[in-house]
Amino acid sequence: MANTRTALLSAVAAIAGVTALSQATLAEDAAKEKCYGISAAGKNDCASTGNNSCAGTSKSDYDKGAWKYVPAGTCLTTTVTLPDGSTRAGALQPSKS
């Protein structure tokens, strides 16, 4: 009976831990937004369009289809300097042009 109770308590603790972790992850995610066109080659956070599909797979700097997480509300004011010396702000949606 003690083994059953210990196993049950362990299972409950594991579920509580996963729930707490999930809530922390949701809070973290709410504090971030996807910002397209600002990641260096191989530094994108995940899914994008075109020739790369997940974290670290973008092939070129500042690919307009690759995104990186930034603090919520900062994407449109985040800028990068392009190879030609011009600057570009991040975008909340991927751009095809």
N, C-alpha and C. Protein backbone atom coordinates (compact mmCIF):
# COMPACT_ATOMS: atom_id res chain seq x y z
N MET A 1 0.83 -1.19 0.00
CA MET A 1 0.00 0.00 0.00
C MET A 1 0.87 1.25 0.00
N ALA A 2 2.01 1.22 0.73
CA ALA A 2 2.89 2.38 0.79
C ALA A 2 3.48 2.69 -0.58
N ASN A 3 3.80 1.62 -1.35
CA ASN A 3 4.36 1.83 -2.69
C ASN A 3 3.33 2.47 -3.61
N THR A 4 2.07 2.07 -3.49
CA THR A 4 1.01 2.63 -4.32
C THR A 4 0.82 4.11 -3.97
N ARG A 5 0.82 4.40 -2.68
CA ARG A 5 0.64 5.79 -2.26
C ARG A 5 1.81 6.65 -2.72
N THR A 6 3.03 6.14 -2.62
CA THR A 6 4.21 6.87 -3.07
C THR A 6 4.15 7.12 -4.56
N ALA A 7 3.75 6.11 -5.31
CA ALA A 7 3.63 6.25 -6.76
C ALA A 7 2.56 7.28 -7.11
N LEU A 8 1.45 7.25 -6.40
CA LEU A 8 0.37 8.20 -6.64
C LEU A 8 0.82 9.62 -6.32
N LEU A 9 1.50 9.81 -5.21
CA LEU A 9 2.01 11.13 -4.84
C LEU A 9 3.03 11.63 -5.85
N SER A 10 3.87 10.74 -6.36
CA SER A 10 4.85 11.11 -7.37
C SER A 10 4.16 11.55 -8.65
N ALA A 11 3.11 10.85 -9.04
CA ALA A 11 2.37 11.19 -10.25
C ALA A 11 1.69 12.55 -10.10
N VAL A 12 1.10 12.79 -8.95
CA VAL A 12 0.45 14.08 -8.69
C VAL A 12 1.48 15.21 -8.72
N ALA A 13 2.64 14.99 -8.13
CA ALA A 13 3.70 16.01 -8.13
C ALA A 13 4.18 16.29 -9.55
N ALA A 14 4.30 15.24 -10.35
CA ALA A 14 4.74 15.42 -11.74
C ALA A 14 3.72 16.23 -12.53
N ILE A 15 2.44 15.92 -12.35
CA ILE A 15 1.38 16.67 -13.05
C ILE A 15 1.39 18.13 -12.61
N ALA A 16 1.54 18.38 -11.32
CA ALA A 16 1.59 19.75 -10.81
C ALA A 16 2.78 20.49 -11.39
N GLY A 17 3.92 19.81 -11.51
CA GLY A 17 5.11 20.43 -12.08
C GLY A 17 4.92 20.79 -13.54
N VAL A 18 4.31 19.90 -14.31
CA VAL A 18 4.05 20.17 -15.73
C VAL A 18 3.07 21.32 -15.87
N THR A 19 2.05 21.35 -15.03
CA THR A 19 1.06 22.44 -15.08
C THR A 19 1.73 23.78 -14.77
N ALA A 20 2.59 23.81 -13.75
CA ALA A 20 3.28 25.05 -13.40
C ALA A 20 4.21 25.48 -14.53
N LEU A 21 4.90 24.52 -15.14
CA LEU A 21 5.79 24.82 -16.25
C LEU A 21 4.99 25.35 -17.45
N SER A 22 3.85 24.74 -17.72
CA SER A 22 3.00 25.19 -18.83
C SER A 22 2.51 26.61 -18.60
N GLN A 23 2.12 26.94 -17.39
CA GLN A 23 1.65 28.28 -17.08
C GLN A 23 2.78 29.29 -17.22
N ALA A 24 3.99 28.92 -16.79
CA ALA A 24 5.14 29.81 -16.93
C ALA A 24 5.46 30.02 -18.40
N THR A 25 5.38 28.97 -19.20
CA THR A 25 5.65 29.07 -20.63
C THR A 25 4.63 29.96 -21.30
N LEU A 26 3.36 29.84 -20.94
CA LEU A 26 2.32 30.70 -21.51
C LEU A 26 2.57 32.16 -21.16
N ALA A 27 2.97 32.43 -19.93
CA ALA A 27 3.26 33.81 -19.53
C ALA A 27 4.46 34.35 -20.30
N GLU A 28 5.49 33.51 -20.49
CA GLU A 28 6.66 33.92 -21.26
C GLU A 28 6.27 34.21 -22.70
N ASP A 29 5.48 33.32 -23.30
CA ASP A 29 5.06 33.50 -24.69
C ASP A 29 4.24 34.77 -24.87
N ALA A 30 3.43 35.12 -23.89
CA ALA A 30 2.61 36.33 -23.99
C ALA A 30 3.49 37.58 -23.93
N ALA A 31 4.66 37.45 -23.35
CA ALA A 31 5.57 38.58 -23.24
C ALA A 31 6.46 38.73 -24.46
N LYS A 32 6.27 37.86 -25.47
CA LYS A 32 7.09 37.88 -26.68
C LYS A 32 6.20 37.98 -27.91
N GLU A 33 6.81 38.42 -29.02
CA GLU A 33 6.12 38.40 -30.30
C GLU A 33 7.11 37.97 -31.38
N LYS A 34 6.58 37.41 -32.45
CA LYS A 34 7.40 37.03 -33.58
C LYS A 34 7.71 38.28 -34.38
N CYS A 35 8.99 38.44 -34.71
CA CYS A 35 9.41 39.61 -35.49
C CYS A 35 10.16 39.11 -36.72
N TYR A 36 9.59 39.39 -37.88
CA TYR A 36 10.15 38.91 -39.14
C TYR A 36 11.20 39.87 -39.69
N GLY A 37 12.21 39.29 -40.34
CA GLY A 37 13.19 40.07 -41.08
C GLY A 37 14.34 40.64 -40.27
N ILE A 38 14.52 40.20 -39.03
CA ILE A 38 15.59 40.78 -38.21
C ILE A 38 16.64 39.76 -37.79
N SER A 39 16.47 38.50 -38.11
CA SER A 39 17.42 37.50 -37.62
C SER A 39 18.57 37.29 -38.60
N ALA A 40 19.75 37.12 -38.04
CA ALA A 40 20.93 36.81 -38.85
C ALA A 40 20.79 35.37 -39.36
N ALA A 41 21.52 35.04 -40.39
CA ALA A 41 21.50 33.69 -40.95
C ALA A 41 21.76 32.67 -39.84
N GLY A 42 20.93 31.65 -39.80
CA GLY A 42 21.08 30.59 -38.81
C GLY A 42 20.67 30.96 -37.40
N LYS A 43 20.09 32.14 -37.21
CA LYS A 43 19.71 32.59 -35.86
C LYS A 43 18.21 32.79 -35.71
N ASN A 44 17.42 32.36 -36.71
CA ASN A 44 15.96 32.50 -36.58
C ASN A 44 15.46 31.54 -35.51
N ASP A 45 14.33 31.89 -34.87
CA ASP A 45 13.81 31.05 -33.80
C ASP A 45 13.01 29.86 -34.29
N CYS A 46 12.22 30.03 -35.32
CA CYS A 46 11.54 28.85 -35.85
C CYS A 46 10.83 29.15 -37.15
N ALA A 47 9.76 28.40 -37.38
CA ALA A 47 9.06 28.36 -38.66
C ALA A 47 9.06 29.67 -39.41
N SER A 48 9.31 29.56 -40.67
CA SER A 48 9.28 30.71 -41.55
C SER A 48 8.81 30.22 -42.92
N THR A 49 8.95 31.04 -43.89
CA THR A 49 8.51 30.66 -45.23
C THR A 49 9.71 30.43 -46.12
N GLY A 50 9.48 29.82 -47.23
CA GLY A 50 10.55 29.66 -48.22
C GLY A 50 11.47 28.49 -47.94
N ASN A 51 12.77 28.76 -47.91
CA ASN A 51 13.75 27.68 -47.88
C ASN A 51 14.18 27.25 -46.49
N ASN A 52 13.53 27.68 -45.45
CA ASN A 52 13.86 27.19 -44.11
C ASN A 52 12.58 27.01 -43.32
N SER A 53 12.61 26.09 -42.40
CA SER A 53 11.36 25.75 -41.73
C SER A 53 11.42 25.74 -40.21
N CYS A 54 12.60 25.83 -39.64
CA CYS A 54 12.62 25.84 -38.18
C CYS A 54 13.88 26.51 -37.65
N ALA A 55 14.03 26.48 -36.34
CA ALA A 55 15.10 27.22 -35.66
C ALA A 55 16.47 26.98 -36.27
N GLY A 56 17.16 28.10 -36.52
CA GLY A 56 18.53 28.04 -36.97
C GLY A 56 18.74 27.62 -38.42
N THR A 57 17.69 27.60 -39.22
CA THR A 57 17.84 27.11 -40.59
C THR A 57 17.79 28.19 -41.67
N SER A 58 17.64 29.45 -41.29
CA SER A 58 17.62 30.49 -42.32
C SER A 58 19.00 30.56 -42.98
N LYS A 59 19.01 30.77 -44.26
CA LYS A 59 20.26 30.75 -45.03
C LYS A 59 20.85 32.13 -45.25
N SER A 60 20.06 33.18 -45.06
CA SER A 60 20.58 34.52 -45.31
C SER A 60 20.22 35.46 -44.16
N ASP A 61 21.04 36.47 -43.99
CA ASP A 61 20.76 37.48 -42.97
C ASP A 61 19.49 38.24 -43.30
N TYR A 62 18.68 38.47 -42.30
CA TYR A 62 17.49 39.31 -42.36
C TYR A 62 16.46 38.86 -43.40
N ASP A 63 16.35 37.55 -43.55
CA ASP A 63 15.34 36.96 -44.44
C ASP A 63 13.97 37.46 -43.99
N LYS A 64 13.21 38.04 -44.89
CA LYS A 64 11.90 38.61 -44.54
C LYS A 64 10.87 37.55 -44.17
N GLY A 65 11.17 36.29 -44.41
CA GLY A 65 10.26 35.22 -44.05
C GLY A 65 10.64 34.50 -42.76
N ALA A 66 11.81 34.82 -42.20
CA ALA A 66 12.27 34.17 -40.97
C ALA A 66 11.97 35.09 -39.78
N TRP A 67 11.59 34.47 -38.65
CA TRP A 67 11.27 35.29 -37.49
C TRP A 67 12.12 34.94 -36.28
N LYS A 68 12.18 35.90 -35.38
CA LYS A 68 12.87 35.76 -34.11
C LYS A 68 11.95 36.35 -33.04
N TYR A 69 11.95 35.73 -31.86
CA TYR A 69 11.16 36.29 -30.76
C TYR A 69 11.83 37.55 -30.23
N VAL A 70 11.02 38.55 -29.96
CA VAL A 70 11.46 39.79 -29.31
C VAL A 70 10.43 40.12 -28.23
N PRO A 71 10.79 40.97 -27.28
CA PRO A 71 9.80 41.35 -26.27
C PRO A 71 8.56 41.96 -26.94
N ALA A 72 7.39 41.62 -26.44
CA ALA A 72 6.13 42.12 -27.01
C ALA A 72 6.16 43.64 -27.11
N GLY A 73 5.72 44.13 -28.27
CA GLY A 73 5.63 45.57 -28.49
C GLY A 73 6.90 46.21 -29.03
N THR A 74 7.96 45.41 -29.28
CA THR A 74 9.21 46.00 -29.74
C THR A 74 9.56 45.69 -31.19
N CYS A 75 8.84 44.81 -31.83
CA CYS A 75 9.20 44.40 -33.18
C CYS A 75 9.28 45.56 -34.15
N LEU A 76 8.25 46.37 -34.19
CA LEU A 76 8.19 47.44 -35.19
C LEU A 76 9.24 48.53 -34.97
N THR A 77 9.85 48.55 -33.80
CA THR A 77 10.90 49.53 -33.54
C THR A 77 12.29 48.89 -33.55
N THR A 78 12.36 47.58 -33.77
CA THR A 78 13.64 46.89 -33.88
C THR A 78 14.14 47.06 -35.31
N THR A 79 15.36 47.54 -35.46
CA THR A 79 15.89 47.75 -36.81
C THR A 79 17.18 46.97 -37.01
N VAL A 80 17.45 46.66 -38.27
CA VAL A 80 18.69 45.99 -38.66
C VAL A 80 19.33 46.81 -39.78
N THR A 81 20.64 46.71 -39.86
CA THR A 81 21.36 47.38 -40.94
C THR A 81 21.64 46.34 -42.02
N LEU A 82 21.14 46.59 -43.20
CA LEU A 82 21.29 45.68 -44.33
C LEU A 82 22.67 45.84 -44.96
N PRO A 83 23.10 44.85 -45.75
CA PRO A 83 24.44 44.92 -46.38
C PRO A 83 24.69 46.19 -47.19
N ASP A 84 23.64 46.78 -47.75
CA ASP A 84 23.83 48.00 -48.55
C ASP A 84 23.90 49.26 -47.68
N GLY A 85 23.84 49.08 -46.36
CA GLY A 85 23.93 50.21 -45.43
C GLY A 85 22.60 50.79 -45.02
N SER A 86 21.53 50.43 -45.72
CA SER A 86 20.20 50.93 -45.33
C SER A 86 19.71 50.18 -44.10
N THR A 87 18.70 50.71 -43.45
CA THR A 87 18.12 50.05 -42.28
C THR A 87 16.69 49.63 -42.59
N ARG A 88 16.23 48.64 -41.87
CA ARG A 88 14.86 48.16 -42.03
C ARG A 88 14.34 47.76 -40.66
N ALA A 89 13.09 48.10 -40.40
CA ALA A 89 12.43 47.70 -39.15
C ALA A 89 11.88 46.29 -39.29
N GLY A 90 11.73 45.63 -38.16
CA GLY A 90 11.10 44.32 -38.15
C GLY A 90 9.64 44.42 -38.55
N ALA A 91 9.04 43.28 -38.88
CA ALA A 91 7.64 43.22 -39.30
C ALA A 91 6.92 42.13 -38.52
N LEU A 92 5.64 42.34 -38.29
CA LEU A 92 4.83 41.36 -37.56
C LEU A 92 4.33 40.24 -38.45
N GLN A 93 4.48 40.38 -39.75
CA GLN A 93 4.07 39.36 -40.73
C GLN A 93 5.22 39.17 -41.72
N PRO A 94 5.38 37.96 -42.28
CA PRO A 94 6.42 37.77 -43.28
C PRO A 94 6.13 38.59 -44.54
N SER A 95 7.18 39.02 -45.19
CA SER A 95 7.04 39.80 -46.41
C SER A 95 7.58 38.99 -47.57
N LYS A 96 6.90 39.00 -48.70
CA LYS A 96 7.36 38.26 -49.87
C LYS A 96 8.27 39.10 -50.75
N SER A 97 8.25 40.40 -50.57
CA SER A 97 9.08 41.25 -51.44
C SER A 97 10.45 41.49 -50.85
